[in-house]
Amino acid sequence: MDLVVTMEACRRYVLLVVFIHFTLIGNISTSVTHYSIPEEMKEGSSVANLAADLGLDVKTLNQRKMRLDIISNKKYLDVNRETGELYIAEKIDRESSCNFKASASCYLKLELILENPVRIFNIEVEILDMNDNAPQFRRDVIHLDISEATPNGERFSLSNAVDPDIGSNSVKTYHLSESEYFNIEVQTGRDGSKFAELILKRNLDREQQSVHNLILTAVDGGTPARSGTASVIVRVLDMNDNAPKFEKTNMSVKILENSPIGSLVTDLDAIDLDEGSNSDITYTYSLYTQERTQETFNLNPTTGEITVKGMLNYEDFKSYDMEVIATDKGTNSLSGQCTIKILVEDMNDNHPEISIKSFQSPVNENIELDTVIAVVSVNDKDSGDNGIVDLSIPKNMPFKLRESSDNYYELVVSEPLDREKVPEYDITFTVTDRGSPPLSDNETMTLELLDVNDNVPQFPQSFYTIRVMENNAPGALLSSLTAFDPDLHENQYLVYFIIEKEIANTSMSMLFSINPENGNLYALKTFDYEIEKEFLFHIEARDSGSPPLSSNVTVHIIIVDQNDNAPVIVSPWRAHGSVVEEKIPRSTDKGSLVAKVIALDTDSVHNSRITYQFLQVTDATLFSLDQYNGEIRTMRMFSYRDPRHQRLVVVAKDNGQPALSATVTIKLSTVETAVKAYSDMTEMPLEYDIFSDLNLYLVIGLGSVSFLLLITILVTIVLKCQKPKPSKTAAPCRNSVISERNSTIADSTLVSNDAYWYSLFLAETRKGKLVVRQPMPKGSRYIVSSIPRGTGLTDTSDSAPSTLQYPK
């Protein structure tokens, strides 16, 4: 426990003793000023006011250069020139400052020196002891060896504890941990130190407890008290006070006749609770053991093992008696004895016999239950339990034994047999007598199973999905569909067939073929994804058993699309290799729609995704092309510097790998005609205003040519559509929309969803109506011919032939 002393408490311990002598030797005062302080005072603590005690003027201390000189000690104290106070410069430990002296007094001698005039004062500071040290043993562990024969009251010296403190703070007493064998007595030495003696209270017994662990505690007399501990380990020394003992003093042992020489009869194990030589045991026969017994059995004097030394014959001697003595090797040896009776047992020396009277093999795997497979007889020449025999077969077999008469057994079928799981059985008949130890014999017979067609061919999967790339080569291998039949021979020979199924008047055998022997599936034709996308049919596997068994599997053929169709540009329409000519007003505003390119691709969705881009353009700053919808718009207004003729080459490219494309060339001519701008969704045609600077004759000529061209196209279409009414199976004619202009309307929309009808309407659907979007001069009309089947459109207009509406 740490000692804590406050400044107030320290001040109370400071004692001032001043001895004044009126005799002065020069300027040196012969008087001694005495102070007493406790150790461990805090640094800076005030001891005394020297100026007041010595009658000095505080104001002159600095001028007179007051200083403190410590004689033969570390500078624990110092003086304050301003106040004249003596204070603690460094914490003082009495034990270290006085070199751990146990004397009652510890002093620090000081000299206070002043100049002008020179004066020297002698000061003596006594350091008072505080209880700041705990007792300590010289050894933390004290070992004692005490014989278990030591009498009660015997004393044993223990190492004493040391406490650097003095007086009442030093070691005062000792305590011992609780023990029923030991206590202590505290003694005082000549120098006043305290020590403890260990006293034995009761007799020790090493066999009960060989080691005693004690705790010795030293306590000082300080307040609060401090303590220290040491471990006392007492080891009890052995003496020969225990005789060897057998686990049983009378025992009986059985041994079979004809036991080989050296066979162990029994192992005697006497126990001596002593240790060392006092517990070493020697085994010998007593004088009462017959010589015949000693000649028949050997006794190992060290281990106590009794083994067979001569031949044992049950018919000669049925038992042997012996007496064995166990003696220890102590100074005063002690001994114990044991009586043993050895009984010779009759030996089961005849093996049982087994005989197979009848055995049927091979048999069909579908043999009926309880059918007899074999007849077995058993026999043993011994008598009693040695002559009683038991017959058994291995467990977990589909057979059982049934006793038919004395020592006769039948082997019958107890569970259904399956050749595919177990083709044959090795049946081991084991016969065992009830002797001790039992003797046995065995015989193994092999039962072979004949195959029966009882397994249906099995495919690894019940459903096969086969992906075939279009444009495949005829005769290409698509997949191998192999079934498995666990039967044997002809029962496992499989033949594969395609189960006939007609799709669109086409048999599956015309599209696919399968090798009847190995199940390889081949394609007989080249498939086109745009015509045929998938096939679903069944394949049957049939074995050659009697009757034959079969199973089938579903095959799903998926035709995978290839990018084998290039985009086809359907708007603006033009004859193969020709150039599309368009005319636009020169006053067209920025962002106006000039034309729209529409391309179609009959491949699958991924391959038919089309993007548009300029391949060639006369002026790249004049037109922009939307890469997704193909709209061509003006990026700015025409200037007088721009040429009147613009040539645009647009390429439509699909998303396949590699990509395929188509191009269209559009020749734009600008005219000096002002046209009111129509929005893209206008349902009425635009009107053209003739600029005043346009030559009137040029306008009349262009109008005449356009009108004649329109009349010619209308007559041609009417003649084509006025053919005899087609039959129900005939394909409907395609829609056509004709305008006054030469080119197909750019802003066109494909309405029909039927793959067969790529009918192109130069219009779009809005709110259930088909609305023409092409701006035309006043008086222009749109003629819509017959409507394709499957579009869901009907002509409901009376006055405006350009409007179509979905049926409600």
Foldseek 3Di string as FASTA:
>chain_A
DADDADLVNQQVQWDWDWDADPDDDPQEGPTEIEIETEAQDDFFRWRAQCCVVVVHDLVCLVVQVKWKAWPPFDCQWTADSNRSTITGHHGGDQCVRQVLDQDQWDKIWMWIWTPPPTHIYIYIYIYHYALRWAWAFPAQEAEAEAALPDAFFDKAFDTATFTSTYDQSTWDDKAKPDDPFWGWDWDADPVRDIGIIIGTHHGDDCLVPQKDKMKMKIWGRHVVIHIDIHIYIYGYAFALPWAWDWPAQEEEWEDEFPDDFFAWGDWTDTATSTDDQSTQKFKDWDPPFDPVVCQQWPAHGRGRIITGNDGGDCVPDQKGKTKMKIWTRHPPIHIDIHIYMYGYDYDLDWEKDKDWPAADAEEALQDDFFDWGTKMFIFTPDDDQSGAKDKDKDPPDQWDWDDDDVRMITITGNDRGDCLVPQKDWIKIKMWTRDVVIHIDIDTDMYGHAFDLDWAWAWPDQEAEWEAEAQDDAFDWGDWTATATSTDDQSTQKFKDWDWDDDPNRTVCCQWDAHRRGRTIGGHDGDACLVDAKDKTKMKIWTRHVVIHIDIHIYIYGHDWALPWAKAWVPFDDPPPDAAEAEDALFDAFFAWRFAIDIATSTDPQQGQKFKDWPDKPDPQFWDAGGRGGTITGHGHHDPPDDQKMKTKMKIWTRGVVIHIDIHIYIYGHDNKAWDGDDQPDQAAIAIHGDPPDDPVVVVVVVVVLVVVQVVVVVVVVVVQPDPDDDPPDFDDAKDKDWSDDTQGRCWDQQAPDSVHRHTDCFDDDPQKTGHRDHDHPPIAIAIGDDGPRSQWDQPDDPHNRMIGGDD
